[in-house]
Amino acid sequence: MHPALADDLARLPELLQAARDLAVREVAGLAERPVAAPGPVPGRDPLPAAGAGGDGALARFAERWAPGSSGCAGPRWRAAFSNWRTTEADAERVLSVLAASG
């Protein structure tokens, strides 16, 4: 196993908590965000060749993509937890787990 993946696996509970904390902070601040995020979409930025690990991925998301999240009504957070097969029920389960763990 690649050393970065092994490190992430060894620290999985900590990484999951960090991801949860980021999600909670982002959702908590949505009411203050504009309906449409002003400014350009972040430009292309190649991924690091050596990888960045879980912490690096969270930091990259928080820096590049989270600020562009809008405060509009609807499932604005869904893309962070889903793919094309995710249903509304799946999304509601994620919210329930986040709410219960807080």
N, C-alpha and C. Protein backbone atom coordinates (compact mmCIF):
# COMPACT_ATOMS: atom_id res chain seq x y z
N MET A 1 0.85 -1.18 0.00
CA MET A 1 0.00 0.00 0.00
C MET A 1 0.89 1.24 0.00
N HIS A 2 0.48 2.23 -0.75
CA HIS A 2 1.22 3.49 -0.80
C HIS A 2 1.29 4.09 0.61
N PRO A 3 2.45 4.65 1.00
CA PRO A 3 2.59 5.19 2.35
C PRO A 3 1.54 6.24 2.73
N ALA A 4 1.15 7.10 1.79
CA ALA A 4 0.14 8.12 2.10
C ALA A 4 -1.21 7.47 2.39
N LEU A 5 -1.56 6.43 1.62
CA LEU A 5 -2.82 5.72 1.86
C LEU A 5 -2.77 4.97 3.18
N ALA A 6 -1.62 4.38 3.49
CA ALA A 6 -1.48 3.67 4.75
C ALA A 6 -1.62 4.63 5.92
N ASP A 7 -1.05 5.83 5.78
CA ASP A 7 -1.18 6.84 6.83
C ASP A 7 -2.63 7.26 6.99
N ASP A 8 -3.32 7.50 5.88
CA ASP A 8 -4.74 7.86 5.95
C ASP A 8 -5.56 6.76 6.60
N LEU A 9 -5.27 5.51 6.25
CA LEU A 9 -6.00 4.39 6.84
C LEU A 9 -5.76 4.31 8.34
N ALA A 10 -4.53 4.51 8.75
CA ALA A 10 -4.19 4.46 10.18
C ALA A 10 -4.89 5.59 10.95
N ARG A 11 -5.15 6.69 10.27
CA ARG A 11 -5.76 7.86 10.91
C ARG A 11 -7.21 8.07 10.47
N LEU A 12 -7.85 7.02 9.98
CA LEU A 12 -9.18 7.17 9.41
C LEU A 12 -10.19 7.82 10.35
N PRO A 13 -10.30 7.42 11.61
CA PRO A 13 -11.28 8.11 12.48
C PRO A 13 -11.00 9.61 12.60
N GLU A 14 -9.75 10.00 12.68
CA GLU A 14 -9.38 11.42 12.76
C GLU A 14 -9.74 12.15 11.45
N LEU A 15 -9.47 11.52 10.31
CA LEU A 15 -9.80 12.13 9.02
C LEU A 15 -11.32 12.28 8.85
N LEU A 16 -12.06 11.25 9.26
CA LEU A 16 -13.52 11.34 9.16
C LEU A 16 -14.06 12.45 10.06
N GLN A 17 -13.48 12.61 11.24
CA GLN A 17 -13.90 13.69 12.13
C GLN A 17 -13.58 15.04 11.52
N ALA A 18 -12.42 15.16 10.89
CA ALA A 18 -12.05 16.42 10.24
C ALA A 18 -13.01 16.74 9.09
N ALA A 19 -13.40 15.72 8.32
CA ALA A 19 -14.35 15.93 7.23
C ALA A 19 -15.72 16.33 7.78
N ARG A 20 -16.13 15.69 8.85
CA ARG A 20 -17.40 16.04 9.49
C ARG A 20 -17.36 17.47 10.00
N ASP A 21 -16.28 17.83 10.67
CA ASP A 21 -16.15 19.19 11.21
C ASP A 21 -16.22 20.24 10.10
N LEU A 22 -15.55 19.97 9.00
CA LEU A 22 -15.60 20.90 7.86
C LEU A 22 -17.02 21.01 7.33
N ALA A 23 -17.70 19.88 7.18
CA ALA A 23 -19.07 19.89 6.67
C ALA A 23 -20.00 20.67 7.61
N VAL A 24 -19.85 20.46 8.89
CA VAL A 24 -20.70 21.17 9.86
C VAL A 24 -20.44 22.67 9.79
N ARG A 25 -19.18 23.08 9.70
CA ARG A 25 -18.86 24.52 9.59
C ARG A 25 -19.46 25.11 8.32
N GLU A 26 -19.35 24.40 7.22
CA GLU A 26 -19.87 24.90 5.95
C GLU A 26 -21.39 25.02 5.99
N VAL A 27 -22.07 24.01 6.49
CA VAL A 27 -23.53 24.05 6.55
C VAL A 27 -23.98 25.14 7.52
N ALA A 28 -23.30 25.30 8.63
CA ALA A 28 -23.67 26.32 9.62
C ALA A 28 -23.58 27.73 9.05
N GLY A 29 -22.69 27.96 8.10
CA GLY A 29 -22.51 29.29 7.55
C GLY A 29 -23.30 29.57 6.29
N LEU A 30 -24.11 28.64 5.84
CA LEU A 30 -24.83 28.83 4.57
C LEU A 30 -25.82 29.99 4.60
N ALA A 31 -26.43 30.24 5.74
CA ALA A 31 -27.42 31.31 5.81
C ALA A 31 -26.80 32.68 5.53
N GLU A 32 -25.51 32.82 5.79
CA GLU A 32 -24.84 34.10 5.57
C GLU A 32 -24.28 34.23 4.15
N ARG A 33 -24.33 33.19 3.38
CA ARG A 33 -23.76 33.23 2.03
C ARG A 33 -24.75 33.82 1.04
N PRO A 34 -24.24 34.42 -0.01
CA PRO A 34 -25.15 34.92 -1.05
C PRO A 34 -25.80 33.75 -1.79
N VAL A 35 -26.96 34.03 -2.39
CA VAL A 35 -27.66 32.99 -3.15
C VAL A 35 -26.79 32.49 -4.29
N ALA A 36 -26.11 33.39 -4.93
CA ALA A 36 -25.17 33.02 -6.00
C ALA A 36 -23.78 33.47 -5.55
N ALA A 37 -22.86 32.56 -5.54
CA ALA A 37 -21.51 32.90 -5.11
C ALA A 37 -20.85 33.82 -6.14
N PRO A 38 -20.39 34.98 -5.70
CA PRO A 38 -19.73 35.90 -6.63
C PRO A 38 -18.33 35.41 -6.99
N GLY A 39 -17.84 35.88 -8.08
CA GLY A 39 -16.46 35.56 -8.45
C GLY A 39 -16.37 34.38 -9.38
N PRO A 40 -15.19 34.21 -9.92
CA PRO A 40 -14.98 33.12 -10.89
C PRO A 40 -14.85 31.76 -10.20
N VAL A 41 -15.12 30.74 -10.97
CA VAL A 41 -14.86 29.37 -10.52
C VAL A 41 -13.35 29.19 -10.48
N PRO A 42 -12.84 28.47 -9.49
CA PRO A 42 -11.39 28.27 -9.47
C PRO A 42 -10.88 27.67 -10.77
N GLY A 43 -9.73 28.15 -11.21
CA GLY A 43 -9.13 27.65 -12.44
C GLY A 43 -8.55 26.26 -12.26
N ARG A 44 -8.06 25.75 -13.35
CA ARG A 44 -7.44 24.42 -13.33
C ARG A 44 -6.19 24.46 -12.46
N ASP A 45 -6.03 23.44 -11.68
CA ASP A 45 -4.87 23.32 -10.81
C ASP A 45 -4.56 21.83 -10.72
N PRO A 46 -3.50 21.38 -11.37
CA PRO A 46 -3.22 19.95 -11.38
C PRO A 46 -3.06 19.39 -9.97
N LEU A 47 -3.50 18.16 -9.82
CA LEU A 47 -3.30 17.48 -8.54
C LEU A 47 -1.82 17.19 -8.36
N PRO A 48 -1.35 17.20 -7.12
CA PRO A 48 0.06 16.90 -6.89
C PRO A 48 0.38 15.46 -7.32
N ALA A 49 1.49 15.29 -7.97
CA ALA A 49 1.88 13.97 -8.48
C ALA A 49 2.03 12.94 -7.37
N ALA A 50 2.51 13.37 -6.22
CA ALA A 50 2.73 12.45 -5.10
C ALA A 50 1.49 12.27 -4.24
N GLY A 51 0.42 12.98 -4.55
CA GLY A 51 -0.78 12.92 -3.71
C GLY A 51 -0.63 13.83 -2.51
N ALA A 52 -1.74 14.10 -1.87
CA ALA A 52 -1.72 15.01 -0.73
C ALA A 52 -2.30 14.37 0.52
N GLY A 53 -2.84 13.17 0.39
CA GLY A 53 -3.44 12.52 1.54
C GLY A 53 -4.78 13.13 1.89
N GLY A 54 -5.41 12.54 2.88
CA GLY A 54 -6.72 12.99 3.30
C GLY A 54 -6.72 14.42 3.80
N ASP A 55 -5.75 14.76 4.63
CA ASP A 55 -5.67 16.14 5.14
C ASP A 55 -5.49 17.13 4.01
N GLY A 56 -4.64 16.79 3.05
CA GLY A 56 -4.40 17.67 1.91
C GLY A 56 -5.65 17.83 1.06
N ALA A 57 -6.40 16.75 0.88
CA ALA A 57 -7.63 16.83 0.10
C ALA A 57 -8.66 17.73 0.79
N LEU A 58 -8.81 17.58 2.10
CA LEU A 58 -9.74 18.44 2.83
C LEU A 58 -9.31 19.90 2.77
N ALA A 59 -8.02 20.14 2.93
CA ALA A 59 -7.52 21.52 2.86
C ALA A 59 -7.74 22.11 1.48
N ARG A 60 -7.52 21.32 0.46
CA ARG A 60 -7.72 21.79 -0.92
C ARG A 60 -9.19 22.13 -1.15
N PHE A 61 -10.09 21.28 -0.69
CA PHE A 61 -11.51 21.55 -0.84
C PHE A 61 -11.88 22.83 -0.08
N ALA A 62 -11.43 22.95 1.17
CA ALA A 62 -11.76 24.12 1.99
C ALA A 62 -11.25 25.42 1.36
N GLU A 63 -10.10 25.35 0.73
CA GLU A 63 -9.49 26.55 0.13
C GLU A 63 -10.09 26.89 -1.23
N ARG A 64 -10.27 25.88 -2.08
CA ARG A 64 -10.64 26.14 -3.47
C ARG A 64 -12.14 26.09 -3.74
N TRP A 65 -12.87 25.19 -3.09
CA TRP A 65 -14.25 24.95 -3.49
C TRP A 65 -15.28 25.39 -2.46
N ALA A 66 -15.03 25.22 -1.20
CA ALA A 66 -16.02 25.60 -0.18
C ALA A 66 -16.42 27.07 -0.26
N PRO A 67 -15.48 28.00 -0.49
CA PRO A 67 -15.89 29.40 -0.55
C PRO A 67 -16.89 29.70 -1.67
N GLY A 68 -16.96 28.89 -2.68
CA GLY A 68 -17.88 29.11 -3.78
C GLY A 68 -19.24 28.49 -3.58
N SER A 69 -19.46 27.82 -2.44
CA SER A 69 -20.78 27.24 -2.18
C SER A 69 -21.78 28.35 -2.00
N SER A 70 -22.95 28.17 -2.57
CA SER A 70 -23.97 29.22 -2.50
C SER A 70 -24.87 29.02 -1.29
N GLY A 71 -25.63 30.04 -1.00
CA GLY A 71 -26.60 30.00 0.08
C GLY A 71 -28.01 29.82 -0.45
N CYS A 72 -28.15 29.28 -1.65
CA CYS A 72 -29.49 29.13 -2.24
C CYS A 72 -30.24 27.98 -1.58
N ALA A 73 -31.55 28.00 -1.73
CA ALA A 73 -32.37 26.93 -1.19
C ALA A 73 -32.11 25.65 -1.97
N GLY A 74 -32.27 24.54 -1.31
CA GLY A 74 -32.14 23.26 -2.00
C GLY A 74 -30.92 22.48 -1.55
N PRO A 75 -30.68 21.37 -2.19
CA PRO A 75 -29.62 20.45 -1.77
C PRO A 75 -28.24 20.91 -2.22
N ARG A 76 -27.82 22.09 -1.80
CA ARG A 76 -26.55 22.68 -2.24
C ARG A 76 -25.35 21.89 -1.77
N TRP A 77 -25.46 21.17 -0.69
CA TRP A 77 -24.36 20.41 -0.12
C TRP A 77 -24.26 19.02 -0.71
N ARG A 78 -25.26 18.63 -1.45
CA ARG A 78 -25.38 17.24 -1.89
C ARG A 78 -24.16 16.76 -2.69
N ALA A 79 -23.59 17.60 -3.52
CA ALA A 79 -22.47 17.16 -4.35
C ALA A 79 -21.30 16.66 -3.51
N ALA A 80 -21.14 17.16 -2.32
CA ALA A 80 -20.03 16.74 -1.46
C ALA A 80 -20.21 15.30 -0.97
N PHE A 81 -21.43 14.80 -0.99
CA PHE A 81 -21.71 13.47 -0.45
C PHE A 81 -22.26 12.49 -1.47
N SER A 82 -22.31 12.85 -2.73
CA SER A 82 -23.10 12.03 -3.63
C SER A 82 -22.44 11.77 -4.98
N ASN A 83 -23.11 10.94 -5.72
CA ASN A 83 -22.80 10.73 -7.13
C ASN A 83 -24.14 10.63 -7.86
N TRP A 84 -24.13 10.24 -9.09
CA TRP A 84 -25.35 10.24 -9.89
C TRP A 84 -26.40 9.26 -9.40
N ARG A 85 -26.02 8.29 -8.55
CA ARG A 85 -26.99 7.32 -8.05
C ARG A 85 -27.57 7.70 -6.69
N THR A 86 -27.10 8.76 -6.08
CA THR A 86 -27.57 9.16 -4.76
C THR A 86 -29.00 9.66 -4.83
N THR A 87 -29.82 9.17 -3.93
CA THR A 87 -31.22 9.59 -3.87
C THR A 87 -31.40 10.63 -2.76
N GLU A 88 -32.56 11.25 -2.73
CA GLU A 88 -32.87 12.18 -1.64
C GLU A 88 -32.83 11.44 -0.30
N ALA A 89 -33.31 10.19 -0.27
CA ALA A 89 -33.28 9.42 0.97
C ALA A 89 -31.84 9.22 1.45
N ASP A 90 -30.91 8.97 0.53
CA ASP A 90 -29.50 8.84 0.90
C ASP A 90 -29.00 10.13 1.53
N ALA A 91 -29.33 11.24 0.91
CA ALA A 91 -28.90 12.54 1.42
C ALA A 91 -29.49 12.80 2.79
N GLU A 92 -30.74 12.45 2.99
CA GLU A 92 -31.38 12.64 4.30
C GLU A 92 -30.71 11.78 5.37
N ARG A 93 -30.28 10.57 5.01
CA ARG A 93 -29.57 9.72 5.97
C ARG A 93 -28.26 10.36 6.39
N VAL A 94 -27.54 10.95 5.44
CA VAL A 94 -26.28 11.65 5.74
C VAL A 94 -26.55 12.77 6.73
N LEU A 95 -27.57 13.57 6.47
CA LEU A 95 -27.91 14.67 7.37
C LEU A 95 -28.28 14.17 8.75
N SER A 96 -29.02 13.09 8.82
CA SER A 96 -29.41 12.52 10.12
C SER A 96 -28.20 12.08 10.92
N VAL A 97 -27.26 11.44 10.26
CA VAL A 97 -26.04 10.98 10.94
C VAL A 97 -25.22 12.18 11.42
N LEU A 98 -25.07 13.20 10.56
CA LEU A 98 -24.33 14.39 10.97
C LEU A 98 -25.00 15.08 12.15
N ALA A 99 -26.31 15.20 12.12
CA ALA A 99 -27.04 15.86 13.20
C ALA A 99 -26.92 15.07 14.50
N ALA A 100 -26.98 13.75 14.41
CA ALA A 100 -26.91 12.92 15.62
C ALA A 100 -25.50 12.89 16.22
N SER A 101 -24.51 13.08 15.39
CA SER A 101 -23.12 12.98 15.88
C SER A 101 -22.62 14.28 16.48
N GLY A 102 -23.37 15.36 16.29
CA GLY A 102 -22.93 16.68 16.72
C GLY A 102 -23.16 16.92 18.15
